[in-house]
N, C-alpha and C. Protein backbone atom coordinates (compact mmCIF):
# COMPACT_ATOMS: atom_id res chain seq x y z
N MET A 1 218.40 162.58 -0.60
CA MET A 1 219.00 161.92 0.53
C MET A 1 218.65 160.44 0.57
N GLU A 2 217.42 160.16 0.18
CA GLU A 2 216.97 158.76 0.21
C GLU A 2 217.71 157.90 -0.80
N TRP A 3 217.96 158.46 -1.96
CA TRP A 3 218.62 157.67 -3.01
C TRP A 3 220.08 157.37 -2.63
N ILE A 4 220.72 158.23 -1.83
CA ILE A 4 222.08 157.98 -1.39
C ILE A 4 222.07 156.79 -0.42
N LEU A 5 221.13 156.78 0.52
CA LEU A 5 221.03 155.64 1.45
C LEU A 5 220.68 154.35 0.71
N PHE A 6 219.82 154.46 -0.29
CA PHE A 6 219.44 153.30 -1.08
C PHE A 6 220.65 152.73 -1.83
N THR A 7 221.46 153.63 -2.43
CA THR A 7 222.66 153.20 -3.16
C THR A 7 223.69 152.56 -2.19
N ILE A 8 223.88 153.16 -1.05
CA ILE A 8 224.81 152.59 -0.06
C ILE A 8 224.32 151.22 0.40
N GLY A 9 223.01 151.10 0.61
CA GLY A 9 222.44 149.81 1.01
C GLY A 9 222.63 148.74 -0.02
N LEU A 10 222.45 149.12 -1.30
CA LEU A 10 222.66 148.14 -2.39
C LEU A 10 224.13 147.69 -2.44
N LEU A 11 225.05 148.64 -2.32
CA LEU A 11 226.46 148.29 -2.35
C LEU A 11 226.85 147.38 -1.19
N VAL A 12 226.45 147.74 0.02
CA VAL A 12 226.78 146.95 1.19
C VAL A 12 226.13 145.55 1.09
N GLY A 13 224.88 145.52 0.65
CA GLY A 13 224.16 144.25 0.50
C GLY A 13 224.81 143.36 -0.56
N GLY A 14 225.22 143.99 -1.66
CA GLY A 14 225.88 143.20 -2.72
C GLY A 14 227.20 142.63 -2.24
N ILE A 15 227.98 143.43 -1.53
CA ILE A 15 229.29 142.97 -1.05
C ILE A 15 229.10 141.84 -0.03
N LEU A 16 228.17 142.03 0.92
CA LEU A 16 227.92 140.99 1.92
C LEU A 16 227.40 139.71 1.25
N GLY A 17 226.51 139.88 0.27
CA GLY A 17 226.00 138.70 -0.41
C GLY A 17 227.05 137.93 -1.13
N MET A 18 227.99 138.62 -1.79
CA MET A 18 229.09 137.95 -2.48
C MET A 18 230.03 137.23 -1.50
N MET A 19 230.23 137.85 -0.32
CA MET A 19 231.10 137.21 0.69
C MET A 19 230.45 135.94 1.21
N ILE A 20 229.15 135.98 1.46
CA ILE A 20 228.44 134.79 1.97
C ILE A 20 228.45 133.68 0.95
N VAL A 21 228.23 134.01 -0.33
CA VAL A 21 228.27 132.99 -1.39
C VAL A 21 229.65 132.38 -1.50
N GLY A 22 230.70 133.20 -1.37
CA GLY A 22 232.07 132.69 -1.44
C GLY A 22 232.38 131.75 -0.30
N ILE A 23 231.94 132.09 0.92
CA ILE A 23 232.20 131.23 2.05
C ILE A 23 231.48 129.89 1.92
N VAL A 24 230.23 129.93 1.50
CA VAL A 24 229.46 128.69 1.36
C VAL A 24 230.06 127.82 0.24
N SER A 25 230.40 128.41 -0.87
CA SER A 25 230.93 127.62 -2.00
C SER A 25 232.31 127.06 -1.71
N SER A 26 233.12 127.75 -0.87
CA SER A 26 234.44 127.21 -0.53
C SER A 26 234.30 125.95 0.31
N GLY A 27 233.30 125.89 1.17
CA GLY A 27 233.07 124.68 1.95
C GLY A 27 232.69 123.51 1.06
N LYS A 28 231.85 123.78 0.07
CA LYS A 28 231.45 122.70 -0.86
C LYS A 28 232.63 122.23 -1.69
N MET A 29 233.48 123.16 -2.09
CA MET A 29 234.63 122.79 -2.92
C MET A 29 235.61 121.91 -2.14
N SER A 30 235.81 122.21 -0.86
CA SER A 30 236.73 121.38 -0.09
C SER A 30 236.15 119.96 0.09
N ASP A 31 234.82 119.86 0.25
CA ASP A 31 234.19 118.53 0.33
C ASP A 31 234.37 117.76 -0.95
N LEU A 32 234.20 118.44 -2.07
CA LEU A 32 234.34 117.77 -3.35
C LEU A 32 235.79 117.33 -3.60
N ASP A 33 236.74 118.19 -3.20
CA ASP A 33 238.16 117.83 -3.36
C ASP A 33 238.51 116.61 -2.54
N SER A 34 238.03 116.53 -1.30
CA SER A 34 238.33 115.38 -0.47
C SER A 34 237.67 114.11 -1.02
N GLU A 35 236.49 114.25 -1.61
CA GLU A 35 235.82 113.09 -2.21
C GLU A 35 236.59 112.60 -3.43
N ILE A 36 237.10 113.52 -4.23
CA ILE A 36 237.90 113.16 -5.42
C ILE A 36 239.15 112.38 -4.99
N ILE A 37 239.80 112.84 -3.95
CA ILE A 37 241.01 112.17 -3.47
C ILE A 37 240.69 110.77 -2.98
N SER A 38 239.59 110.63 -2.22
CA SER A 38 239.26 109.30 -1.71
C SER A 38 238.85 108.35 -2.84
N LEU A 39 238.18 108.88 -3.87
CA LEU A 39 237.82 108.03 -5.01
C LEU A 39 239.04 107.60 -5.80
N ARG A 40 240.04 108.48 -5.92
CA ARG A 40 241.27 108.10 -6.62
C ARG A 40 241.99 107.00 -5.87
N ILE A 41 242.02 107.10 -4.55
CA ILE A 41 242.69 106.06 -3.74
C ILE A 41 241.94 104.75 -3.92
N GLN A 42 240.61 104.80 -3.87
CA GLN A 42 239.81 103.59 -4.01
C GLN A 42 240.01 102.97 -5.38
N ARG A 43 240.09 103.78 -6.43
CA ARG A 43 240.34 103.27 -7.77
C ARG A 43 241.68 102.57 -7.88
N ASN A 44 242.70 103.16 -7.28
CA ASN A 44 244.03 102.52 -7.34
C ASN A 44 244.05 101.22 -6.56
N LEU A 45 243.36 101.16 -5.42
CA LEU A 45 243.32 99.92 -4.65
C LEU A 45 242.58 98.82 -5.42
N LEU A 46 241.46 99.17 -6.05
CA LEU A 46 240.73 98.19 -6.83
C LEU A 46 241.53 97.72 -8.06
N LYS A 47 242.26 98.63 -8.65
CA LYS A 47 243.09 98.30 -9.80
C LYS A 47 244.19 97.31 -9.40
N ASP A 48 244.81 97.57 -8.26
CA ASP A 48 245.85 96.66 -7.75
C ASP A 48 245.26 95.29 -7.44
N GLU A 49 244.04 95.29 -6.87
CA GLU A 49 243.40 94.02 -6.54
C GLU A 49 243.12 93.20 -7.80
N LEU A 50 242.67 93.87 -8.84
CA LEU A 50 242.41 93.16 -10.10
C LEU A 50 243.68 92.62 -10.73
N LEU A 51 244.74 93.39 -10.64
CA LEU A 51 246.03 92.94 -11.22
C LEU A 51 246.58 91.76 -10.43
N LYS A 52 246.30 91.68 -9.15
CA LYS A 52 246.76 90.54 -8.35
C LYS A 52 246.00 89.29 -8.70
N GLN A 53 244.72 89.40 -9.03
CA GLN A 53 243.91 88.23 -9.32
C GLN A 53 244.28 87.61 -10.64
N LYS A 54 244.42 88.38 -11.66
CA LYS A 54 244.72 87.86 -13.00
C LYS A 54 246.14 88.23 -13.39
N PRO A 55 246.95 87.22 -13.68
CA PRO A 55 248.29 87.58 -14.19
C PRO A 55 248.17 88.25 -15.55
N LYS A 56 249.02 89.16 -15.79
CA LYS A 56 248.95 89.90 -17.04
C LYS A 56 249.41 89.04 -18.21
N ARG A 57 248.60 88.97 -19.25
CA ARG A 57 248.96 88.18 -20.42
C ARG A 57 249.91 88.94 -21.32
N GLN A 58 250.75 88.18 -21.98
CA GLN A 58 251.59 88.78 -22.98
C GLN A 58 250.78 89.14 -24.20
N TYR A 59 251.07 90.24 -24.80
CA TYR A 59 250.32 90.70 -25.96
C TYR A 59 250.84 89.97 -27.19
N LYS A 60 249.92 89.31 -27.91
CA LYS A 60 250.29 88.65 -29.14
C LYS A 60 249.74 89.48 -30.33
N LYS A 61 250.60 89.75 -31.25
CA LYS A 61 250.15 90.49 -32.40
C LYS A 61 249.43 89.51 -33.33
N ARG A 62 248.20 89.84 -33.67
CA ARG A 62 247.42 88.95 -34.50
C ARG A 62 247.68 89.20 -35.98
N LYS A 63 247.67 88.12 -36.74
CA LYS A 63 247.78 88.24 -38.16
C LYS A 63 246.41 88.15 -38.78
N TYR A 64 246.00 89.19 -39.40
CA TYR A 64 244.67 89.25 -40.01
C TYR A 64 244.72 88.70 -41.43
N LYS A 65 243.68 87.98 -41.80
CA LYS A 65 243.60 87.44 -43.16
C LYS A 65 243.17 88.56 -44.08
N PRO A 66 243.78 88.62 -45.25
CA PRO A 66 243.35 89.66 -46.20
C PRO A 66 241.94 89.32 -46.73
N ARG A 67 241.24 90.33 -47.11
CA ARG A 67 239.89 90.13 -47.63
C ARG A 67 239.93 89.37 -48.95
N LYS A 68 238.90 88.56 -49.12
CA LYS A 68 238.79 87.89 -50.41
C LYS A 68 238.19 88.87 -51.40
N LYS A 69 238.63 88.75 -52.63
CA LYS A 69 238.11 89.65 -53.64
C LYS A 69 236.69 89.22 -54.02
N HIS A 70 235.83 90.18 -54.11
CA HIS A 70 234.45 89.89 -54.47
C HIS A 70 234.36 89.67 -55.98
N LYS A 71 233.54 88.71 -56.37
CA LYS A 71 233.36 88.47 -57.79
C LYS A 71 232.48 89.57 -58.35
N LYS A 72 232.84 90.03 -59.50
CA LYS A 72 232.04 91.04 -60.17
C LYS A 72 230.94 90.36 -60.95
N TRP A 73 229.74 90.79 -60.74
CA TRP A 73 228.57 90.23 -61.44
C TRP A 73 228.43 90.91 -62.80
N ILE A 74 228.25 90.08 -63.74
CA ILE A 74 227.98 90.56 -65.10
C ILE A 74 226.52 90.35 -65.33
N LEU A 75 225.87 91.31 -65.99
CA LEU A 75 224.41 91.26 -66.16
C LEU A 75 223.97 89.98 -66.87
N GLY A 76 224.77 89.49 -67.75
CA GLY A 76 224.37 88.27 -68.48
C GLY A 76 224.44 87.02 -67.65
N SER A 77 225.24 87.03 -66.57
CA SER A 77 225.38 85.81 -65.77
C SER A 77 224.31 85.69 -64.71
N LEU A 78 223.49 86.73 -64.52
CA LEU A 78 222.42 86.67 -63.52
C LEU A 78 221.24 85.84 -63.95
N ASP A 79 221.11 85.50 -65.22
CA ASP A 79 219.96 84.76 -65.76
C ASP A 79 219.84 83.43 -65.16
């Protein structure tokens, strides 16, 4: 008889524990979601502010100089 009550207590305790953890974590998740949204808004506002300060430059394609060929050293010329 005791083991039946013990098993029922474990099941009820486990279920209640999982429900409490779910409720607490859902509150934290909603806080994190609202913080993410506010940070995205702040990022967009700062980005717009930076774009207003500096006019956007036109992109110029650079021409790179080719590498110079290295001279090959001959053992006799090192003397």
